[in-house]
């Protein structure tokens, strides 16, 4: 498990600069505005304490900070966190960024009003443990919002990724990592919904929100549906 975790971390370190440029482009365009509307609509009212798991280059952290929330963004990749710091500094926004394992959080029980994550769970070695941890740190009545895709039976090096700056070696490595992860054997998001309901979440699913948040022609998105999970503790 530790070796696989390091392998995943190294992969995202290698993609951090290009990933950050894409997220900044997205943030400044129509898709950034669509994400702001979506998050605002589905979060509880008031100023919230929010955990952004797998913050990457700080995309959600920037949106949520601008909406007035207190955001803690965590990631396993130091290079991604450096990009997040840089992006929010340039945008004159603030968030607390920390290197942390999404499956072993260093926070007390019931710390956050909301947990948000995007494009993360498909890369986790132990999604069940992650979901339990995210529930643990949520306050009663808090919301978990997970946006992800079912990549488990797809082949990145052949038919998913078409980003010019992502090398064939990166895609081959991504496929190898994906194939080593237990979550890849699950069909999602129905598996996620069933597991979360078993943890006493109230769950609402949208199996494809791509048409809502993937409209900017300047950004490169794959063709795999982006699903949304809205779960209340």
C-alpha atoms as a PDB file:
ATOM      1  CA  UNK A   1       0.000   0.000   0.000  1.00  0.00           C
ATOM      2  CA  UNK A   2       2.789   2.441   0.915  1.00  0.00           C
ATOM      3  CA  UNK A   3       4.594   1.779  -2.362  1.00  0.00           C
ATOM      4  CA  UNK A   4       1.401   2.376  -4.349  1.00  0.00           C
ATOM      5  CA  UNK A   5       0.735   5.595  -2.430  1.00  0.00           C
ATOM      6  CA  UNK A   6       4.210   6.902  -3.287  1.00  0.00           C
ATOM      7  CA  UNK A   7       3.665   5.949  -6.909  1.00  0.00           C
ATOM      8  CA  UNK A   8       0.412   7.924  -7.049  1.00  0.00           C
ATOM      9  CA  UNK A   9       2.082  10.915  -5.380  1.00  0.00           C
ATOM     10  CA  UNK A  10       4.942  10.873  -7.888  1.00  0.00           C
ATOM     11  CA  UNK A  11       2.489  10.700 -10.779  1.00  0.00           C
ATOM     12  CA  UNK A  12       0.619  13.834  -9.671  1.00  0.00           C
ATOM     13  CA  UNK A  13       3.867  15.651  -8.876  1.00  0.00           C
ATOM     14  CA  UNK A  14       4.821  15.110 -12.511  1.00  0.00           C
ATOM     15  CA  UNK A  15       1.541  16.519 -13.798  1.00  0.00           C
ATOM     16  CA  UNK A  16       1.279  19.452 -11.387  1.00  0.00           C
ATOM     17  CA  UNK A  17       2.413  22.353 -13.616  1.00  0.00           C
ATOM     18  CA  UNK A  18       0.244  21.435 -16.605  1.00  0.00           C
ATOM     19  CA  UNK A  19      -2.668  20.535 -14.333  1.00  0.00           C
ATOM     20  CA  UNK A  20      -2.417  23.950 -12.655  1.00  0.00           C
ATOM     21  CA  UNK A  21      -2.469  25.830 -15.973  1.00  0.00           C
ATOM     22  CA  UNK A  22      -5.599  23.965 -17.037  1.00  0.00           C
ATOM     23  CA  UNK A  23      -7.379  24.667 -13.742  1.00  0.00           C
ATOM     24  CA  UNK A  24      -6.562  28.398 -13.931  1.00  0.00           C
ATOM     25  CA  UNK A  25      -7.972  28.529 -17.457  1.00  0.00           C
ATOM     26  CA  UNK A  26     -11.075  26.720 -16.280  1.00  0.00           C
ATOM     27  CA  UNK A  27     -11.435  28.922 -13.213  1.00  0.00           C
ATOM     28  CA  UNK A  28     -11.434  32.119 -15.259  1.00  0.00           C
ATOM     29  CA  UNK A  29     -14.012  30.949 -17.821  1.00  0.00           C
ATOM     30  CA  UNK A  30     -17.624  29.827 -18.144  1.00  0.00           C
ATOM     31  CA  UNK A  31     -16.918  26.517 -16.422  1.00  0.00           C
ATOM     32  CA  UNK A  32     -15.534  28.248 -13.348  1.00  0.00           C
ATOM     33  CA  UNK A  33     -18.754  30.253 -13.143  1.00  0.00           C
ATOM     34  CA  UNK A  34     -20.805  27.062 -13.540  1.00  0.00           C
ATOM     35  CA  UNK A  35     -18.912  25.376 -10.700  1.00  0.00           C
ATOM     36  CA  UNK A  36     -19.487  28.412  -8.452  1.00  0.00           C
ATOM     37  CA  UNK A  37     -23.224  28.223  -9.109  1.00  0.00           C
ATOM     38  CA  UNK A  38     -23.318  24.465  -8.531  1.00  0.00           C
ATOM     39  CA  UNK A  39     -21.392  24.586  -5.264  1.00  0.00           C
ATOM     40  CA  UNK A  40     -23.328  27.549  -3.919  1.00  0.00           C
ATOM     41  CA  UNK A  41     -26.641  25.864  -4.741  1.00  0.00           C
ATOM     42  CA  UNK A  42     -25.789  22.610  -2.944  1.00  0.00           C
ATOM     43  CA  UNK A  43     -23.952  23.861   0.146  1.00  0.00           C
ATOM     44  CA  UNK A  44     -25.745  24.822   3.379  1.00  0.00           C
ATOM     45  CA  UNK A  45     -26.413  28.506   3.987  1.00  0.00           C
ATOM     46  CA  UNK A  46     -23.991  30.683   5.918  1.00  0.00           C
ATOM     47  CA  UNK A  47     -20.233  30.916   6.227  1.00  0.00           C
ATOM     48  CA  UNK A  48     -18.936  27.365   6.345  1.00  0.00           C
ATOM     49  CA  UNK A  49     -15.820  25.511   7.396  1.00  0.00           C
ATOM     50  CA  UNK A  50     -15.006  23.354   4.369  1.00  0.00           C
ATOM     51  CA  UNK A  51     -12.474  20.595   3.729  1.00  0.00           C
ATOM     52  CA  UNK A  52     -11.296  20.364   0.108  1.00  0.00           C
ATOM     53  CA  UNK A  53      -9.857  16.846  -0.237  1.00  0.00           C
ATOM     54  CA  UNK A  54      -7.347  16.415  -3.046  1.00  0.00           C
ATOM     55  CA  UNK A  55      -7.274  20.155  -3.602  1.00  0.00           C
ATOM     56  CA  UNK A  56      -4.732  19.850  -6.429  1.00  0.00           C
ATOM     57  CA  UNK A  57      -4.019  23.318  -7.786  1.00  0.00           C
ATOM     58  CA  UNK A  58      -6.624  24.885  -5.485  1.00  0.00           C
ATOM     59  CA  UNK A  59      -9.571  25.070  -7.906  1.00  0.00           C
ATOM     60  CA  UNK A  60     -12.355  24.457  -5.372  1.00  0.00           C
ATOM     61  CA  UNK A  61     -10.403  26.301  -2.669  1.00  0.00           C
ATOM     62  CA  UNK A  62     -10.366  29.430  -4.835  1.00  0.00           C
ATOM     63  CA  UNK A  63     -14.088  29.268  -5.620  1.00  0.00           C
ATOM     64  CA  UNK A  64     -15.122  28.575  -2.041  1.00  0.00           C
ATOM     65  CA  UNK A  65     -12.796  31.190  -0.559  1.00  0.00           C
ATOM     66  CA  UNK A  66     -14.248  33.791  -2.896  1.00  0.00           C
ATOM     67  CA  UNK A  67     -17.728  32.772  -1.724  1.00  0.00           C
ATOM     68  CA  UNK A  68     -16.644  33.677   1.821  1.00  0.00           C
ATOM     69  CA  UNK A  69     -16.048  30.230   3.302  1.00  0.00           C
ATOM     70  CA  UNK A  70     -13.104  29.095   5.435  1.00  0.00           C
ATOM     71  CA  UNK A  71     -11.329  26.441   3.367  1.00  0.00           C
ATOM     72  CA  UNK A  72      -8.730  23.838   4.269  1.00  0.00           C
ATOM     73  CA  UNK A  73      -7.257  22.145   1.212  1.00  0.00           C
ATOM     74  CA  UNK A  74      -5.297  18.920   1.548  1.00  0.00           C
ATOM     75  CA  UNK A  75      -3.281  16.954  -0.992  1.00  0.00           C
ATOM     76  CA  UNK A  76      -0.585  14.280  -0.995  1.00  0.00           C
ATOM     77  CA  UNK A  77       1.445  16.060  -3.699  1.00  0.00           C
ATOM     78  CA  UNK A  78       3.738  18.834  -2.484  1.00  0.00           C
ATOM     79  CA  UNK A  79       4.096  20.158  -6.027  1.00  0.00           C
ATOM     80  CA  UNK A  80       0.329  20.394  -6.370  1.00  0.00           C
ATOM     81  CA  UNK A  81       0.140  22.248  -3.054  1.00  0.00           C
ATOM     82  CA  UNK A  82       2.813  24.668  -4.255  1.00  0.00           C
ATOM     83  CA  UNK A  83       0.644  25.374  -7.297  1.00  0.00           C
ATOM     84  CA  UNK A  84      -2.377  25.907  -5.063  1.00  0.00           C
ATOM     85  CA  UNK A  85      -0.485  28.390  -2.877  1.00  0.00           C
ATOM     86  CA  UNK A  86       0.674  30.270  -5.974  1.00  0.00           C
ATOM     87  CA  UNK A  87      -2.759  30.379  -7.591  1.00  0.00           C
ATOM     88  CA  UNK A  88      -4.595  31.676  -4.540  1.00  0.00           C
ATOM     89  CA  UNK A  89      -1.869  34.218  -3.843  1.00  0.00           C
ATOM     90  CA  UNK A  90      -2.209  35.568  -7.394  1.00  0.00           C
ATOM     91  CA  UNK A  91      -6.000  35.694  -6.981  1.00  0.00           C
ATOM     92  CA  UNK A  92      -5.623  37.473  -3.603  1.00  0.00           C
ATOM     93  CA  UNK A  93      -7.592  34.715  -1.892  1.00  0.00           C
ATOM     94  CA  UNK A  94      -6.762  32.683   1.209  1.00  0.00           C
ATOM     95  CA  UNK A  95      -6.994  29.036   2.210  1.00  0.00           C
ATOM     96  CA  UNK A  96      -5.118  26.736   4.562  1.00  0.00           C
ATOM     97  CA  UNK A  97      -3.209  24.152   2.514  1.00  0.00           C
ATOM     98  CA  UNK A  98      -1.686  21.043   4.103  1.00  0.00           C
ATOM     99  CA  UNK A  99       0.018  17.875   2.912  1.00  0.00           C
ATOM    100  CA  UNK A 100      -2.168  15.051   4.183  1.00  0.00           C
ATOM    101  CA  UNK A 101      -3.441  11.589   3.319  1.00  0.00           C
ATOM    102  CA  UNK A 102      -7.120  11.687   2.330  1.00  0.00           C
ATOM    103  CA  UNK A 103      -7.567   8.298   4.012  1.00  0.00           C
ATOM    104  CA  UNK A 104      -6.076   9.353   7.382  1.00  0.00           C
ATOM    105  CA  UNK A 105      -7.105  12.882   8.282  1.00  0.00           C
ATOM    106  CA  UNK A 106      -5.400  14.851  11.032  1.00  0.00           C
ATOM    107  CA  UNK A 107      -8.588  16.581  12.250  1.00  0.00           C
ATOM    108  CA  UNK A 108     -10.886  15.995  15.236  1.00  0.00           C
ATOM    109  CA  UNK A 109     -14.338  14.485  14.775  1.00  0.00           C
ATOM    110  CA  UNK A 110     -17.062  16.804  13.435  1.00  0.00           C
ATOM    111  CA  UNK A 111     -14.712  19.619  12.403  1.00  0.00           C
ATOM    112  CA  UNK A 112     -16.247  20.608   9.052  1.00  0.00           C
ATOM    113  CA  UNK A 113     -19.613  21.729   7.717  1.00  0.00           C
ATOM    114  CA  UNK A 114     -18.798  20.318   4.282  1.00  0.00           C
ATOM    115  CA  UNK A 115     -16.290  18.068   2.524  1.00  0.00           C
ATOM    116  CA  UNK A 116     -15.773  18.562  -1.207  1.00  0.00           C
ATOM    117  CA  UNK A 117     -13.627  16.612  -3.644  1.00  0.00           C
ATOM    118  CA  UNK A 118     -13.164  16.373  -7.392  1.00  0.00           C
ATOM    119  CA  UNK A 119     -11.375  13.819  -9.562  1.00  0.00           C
ATOM    120  CA  UNK A 120      -9.886  12.065  -6.528  1.00  0.00           C
ATOM    121  CA  UNK A 121     -11.656   8.903  -5.394  1.00  0.00           C
ATOM    122  CA  UNK A 122     -10.788   6.944  -8.535  1.00  0.00           C
ATOM    123  CA  UNK A 123      -7.092   7.297  -7.566  1.00  0.00           C
ATOM    124  CA  UNK A 124      -7.369   6.258  -3.890  1.00  0.00           C
ATOM    125  CA  UNK A 125      -5.970   2.925  -2.681  1.00  0.00           C
ATOM    126  CA  UNK A 126      -8.757   2.554  -0.078  1.00  0.00           C
ATOM    127  CA  UNK A 127     -11.947   4.453  -0.890  1.00  0.00           C
ATOM    128  CA  UNK A 128     -13.928   2.801   1.908  1.00  0.00           C
ATOM    129  CA  UNK A 129     -11.498   4.113   4.525  1.00  0.00           C
ATOM    130  CA  UNK A 130     -11.564   7.552   2.889  1.00  0.00           C
ATOM    131  CA  UNK A 131     -15.352   7.748   2.999  1.00  0.00           C
ATOM    132  CA  UNK A 132     -15.359   6.730   6.665  1.00  0.00           C
ATOM    133  CA  UNK A 133     -12.781   9.407   7.465  1.00  0.00           C
ATOM    134  CA  UNK A 134     -14.701  12.087   5.589  1.00  0.00           C
ATOM    135  CA  UNK A 135     -17.850  11.154   7.485  1.00  0.00           C
ATOM    136  CA  UNK A 136     -15.945  11.274  10.783  1.00  0.00           C
ATOM    137  CA  UNK A 137     -14.803  14.864  10.309  1.00  0.00           C
ATOM    138  CA  UNK A 138     -18.234  16.075   9.128  1.00  0.00           C
ATOM    139  CA  UNK A 139     -20.624  17.667  11.554  1.00  0.00           C
ATOM    140  CA  UNK A 140     -24.078  16.126  11.870  1.00  0.00           C
ATOM    141  CA  UNK A 141     -26.093  17.586   9.015  1.00  0.00           C
ATOM    142  CA  UNK A 142     -22.896  18.304   7.073  1.00  0.00           C
ATOM    143  CA  UNK A 143     -22.633  17.608   3.366  1.00  0.00           C
ATOM    144  CA  UNK A 144     -20.175  15.550   1.326  1.00  0.00           C
ATOM    145  CA  UNK A 145     -19.929  16.534  -2.339  1.00  0.00           C
ATOM    146  CA  UNK A 146     -17.900  14.184  -4.530  1.00  0.00           C
ATOM    147  CA  UNK A 147     -17.392  14.803  -8.257  1.00  0.00           C
ATOM    148  CA  UNK A 148     -15.647  11.963 -10.063  1.00  0.00           C
ATOM    149  CA  UNK A 149     -15.720   9.614 -13.069  1.00  0.00           C
ATOM    150  CA  UNK A 150     -15.860   5.856 -13.501  1.00  0.00           C
ATOM    151  CA  UNK A 151     -12.458   5.287 -15.081  1.00  0.00           C
ATOM    152  CA  UNK A 152     -12.009   1.727 -13.822  1.00  0.00           C
ATOM    153  CA  UNK A 153     -12.745  -0.061 -17.096  1.00  0.00           C
ATOM    154  CA  UNK A 154     -11.288   2.636 -19.373  1.00  0.00           C
ATOM    155  CA  UNK A 155      -7.812   2.746 -20.944  1.00  0.00           C
ATOM    156  CA  UNK A 156      -6.151   6.153 -20.683  1.00  0.00           C
ATOM    157  CA  UNK A 157      -3.374   5.407 -23.132  1.00  0.00           C
ATOM    158  CA  UNK A 158      -5.844   4.348 -25.823  1.00  0.00           C
ATOM    159  CA  UNK A 159      -9.181   6.109 -25.625  1.00  0.00           C
ATOM    160  CA  UNK A 160      -9.610   8.537 -22.718  1.00  0.00           C
ATOM    161  CA  UNK A 161      -6.950  11.239 -22.398  1.00  0.00           C
ATOM    162  CA  UNK A 162      -6.285  13.585 -25.305  1.00  0.00           C
ATOM    163  CA  UNK A 163      -4.231  16.252 -23.543  1.00  0.00           C
ATOM    164  CA  UNK A 164      -1.227  17.106 -25.713  1.00  0.00           C
ATOM    165  CA  UNK A 165       1.080  17.788 -22.768  1.00  0.00           C
ATOM    166  CA  UNK A 166       0.435  14.430 -21.128  1.00  0.00           C
ATOM    167  CA  UNK A 167       3.078  12.038 -22.447  1.00  0.00           C
ATOM    168  CA  UNK A 168       2.501   8.430 -23.429  1.00  0.00           C
ATOM    169  CA  UNK A 169       4.693   7.390 -20.508  1.00  0.00           C
ATOM    170  CA  UNK A 170       2.423   9.298 -18.116  1.00  0.00           C
ATOM    171  CA  UNK A 171      -0.653   7.627 -19.580  1.00  0.00           C
ATOM    172  CA  UNK A 172       0.909   4.189 -19.324  1.00  0.00           C
ATOM    173  CA  UNK A 173       1.776   4.871 -15.688  1.00  0.00           C
ATOM    174  CA  UNK A 174      -1.750   6.139 -15.027  1.00  0.00           C
ATOM    175  CA  UNK A 175      -3.225   2.947 -16.475  1.00  0.00           C
ATOM    176  CA  UNK A 176      -0.904   0.816 -14.353  1.00  0.00           C
ATOM    177  CA  UNK A 177      -1.870   2.691 -11.184  1.00  0.00           C
ATOM    178  CA  UNK A 178      -5.578   2.540 -12.006  1.00  0.00           C
ATOM    179  CA  UNK A 179      -5.451  -1.202 -12.627  1.00  0.00           C
ATOM    180  CA  UNK A 180      -3.843  -1.727  -9.205  1.00  0.00           C
ATOM    181  CA  UNK A 181      -6.661   0.044  -7.334  1.00  0.00           C
ATOM    182  CA  UNK A 182      -9.627  -1.915  -5.888  1.00  0.00           C
ATOM    183  CA  UNK A 183     -12.050   0.908  -6.771  1.00  0.00           C
ATOM    184  CA  UNK A 184     -11.412   0.221 -10.464  1.00  0.00           C
ATOM    185  CA  UNK A 185     -13.375  -3.034 -10.157  1.00  0.00           C
ATOM    186  CA  UNK A 186     -16.479  -1.147  -8.972  1.00  0.00           C
ATOM    187  CA  UNK A 187     -19.067   0.406 -11.277  1.00  0.00           C
ATOM    188  CA  UNK A 188     -19.727   3.889 -10.165  1.00  0.00           C
ATOM    189  CA  UNK A 189     -21.411   5.985  -8.853  1.00  0.00           C
ATOM    190  CA  UNK A 190     -23.937   3.316  -7.788  1.00  0.00           C
ATOM    191  CA  UNK A 191     -21.306   1.535  -5.710  1.00  0.00           C
ATOM    192  CA  UNK A 192     -20.442   4.811  -3.929  1.00  0.00           C
ATOM    193  CA  UNK A 193     -24.099   5.543  -3.217  1.00  0.00           C
ATOM    194  CA  UNK A 194     -24.663   2.110  -1.709  1.00  0.00           C
ATOM    195  CA  UNK A 195     -21.567   2.319   0.474  1.00  0.00           C
ATOM    196  CA  UNK A 196     -22.404   5.827   1.713  1.00  0.00           C
ATOM    197  CA  UNK A 197     -25.967   4.821   2.507  1.00  0.00           C
ATOM    198  CA  UNK A 198     -24.446   2.002   4.575  1.00  0.00           C
ATOM    199  CA  UNK A 199     -22.654   4.719   6.562  1.00  0.00           C
ATOM    200  CA  UNK A 200     -26.046   6.379   7.233  1.00  0.00           C
ATOM    201  CA  UNK A 201     -25.646   9.158   4.691  1.00  0.00           C
ATOM    202  CA  UNK A 202     -28.682  10.439   2.830  1.00  0.00           C
ATOM    203  CA  UNK A 203     -27.498  10.311  -0.804  1.00  0.00           C
ATOM    204  CA  UNK A 204     -28.534  12.069  -4.007  1.00  0.00           C
ATOM    205  CA  UNK A 205     -26.863  11.211  -7.331  1.00  0.00           C
ATOM    206  CA  UNK A 206     -26.465  12.904 -10.680  1.00  0.00           C
ATOM    207  CA  UNK A 207     -24.811  10.434 -13.025  1.00  0.00           C
ATOM    208  CA  UNK A 208     -23.547  13.022 -15.526  1.00  0.00           C
ATOM    209  CA  UNK A 209     -23.055  16.763 -14.977  1.00  0.00           C
ATOM    210  CA  UNK A 210     -20.579  17.150 -17.850  1.00  0.00           C
ATOM    211  CA  UNK A 211     -22.964  19.301 -19.885  1.00  0.00           C
ATOM    212  CA  UNK A 212     -23.162  21.765 -16.996  1.00  0.00           C
ATOM    213  CA  UNK A 213     -19.475  22.229 -16.114  1.00  0.00           C
ATOM    214  CA  UNK A 214     -17.579  21.105 -19.240  1.00  0.00           C
ATOM    215  CA  UNK A 215     -18.576  23.757 -21.773  1.00  0.00           C
ATOM    216  CA  UNK A 216     -15.384  25.786 -22.202  1.00  0.00           C
ATOM    217  CA  UNK A 217     -13.802  24.912 -25.556  1.00  0.00           C
ATOM    218  CA  UNK A 218     -10.424  26.185 -24.310  1.00  0.00           C
ATOM    219  CA  UNK A 219     -10.251  23.378 -21.758  1.00  0.00           C
ATOM    220  CA  UNK A 220      -9.580  19.738 -22.580  1.00  0.00           C
ATOM    221  CA  UNK A 221     -11.946  17.224 -20.973  1.00  0.00           C
ATOM    222  CA  UNK A 222     -12.267  13.517 -21.578  1.00  0.00           C
ATOM    223  CA  UNK A 223     -15.521  11.927 -22.698  1.00  0.00           C
ATOM    224  CA  UNK A 224     -16.146   9.878 -19.535  1.00  0.00           C
ATOM    225  CA  UNK A 225     -19.248  11.175 -17.676  1.00  0.00           C
ATOM    226  CA  UNK A 226     -18.579  13.291 -14.600  1.00  0.00           C
ATOM    227  CA  UNK A 227     -20.906  12.223 -11.815  1.00  0.00           C
ATOM    228  CA  UNK A 228     -21.952  14.141  -8.699  1.00  0.00           C
ATOM    229  CA  UNK A 229     -22.641  12.669  -5.287  1.00  0.00           C
ATOM    230  CA  UNK A 230     -24.422  14.820  -2.698  1.00  0.00           C
ATOM    231  CA  UNK A 231     -24.496  13.068   0.680  1.00  0.00           C
ATOM    232  CA  UNK A 232     -25.764  14.467   3.984  1.00  0.00           C
ATOM    233  CA  UNK A 233     -24.625  13.037   7.332  1.00  0.00           C
END
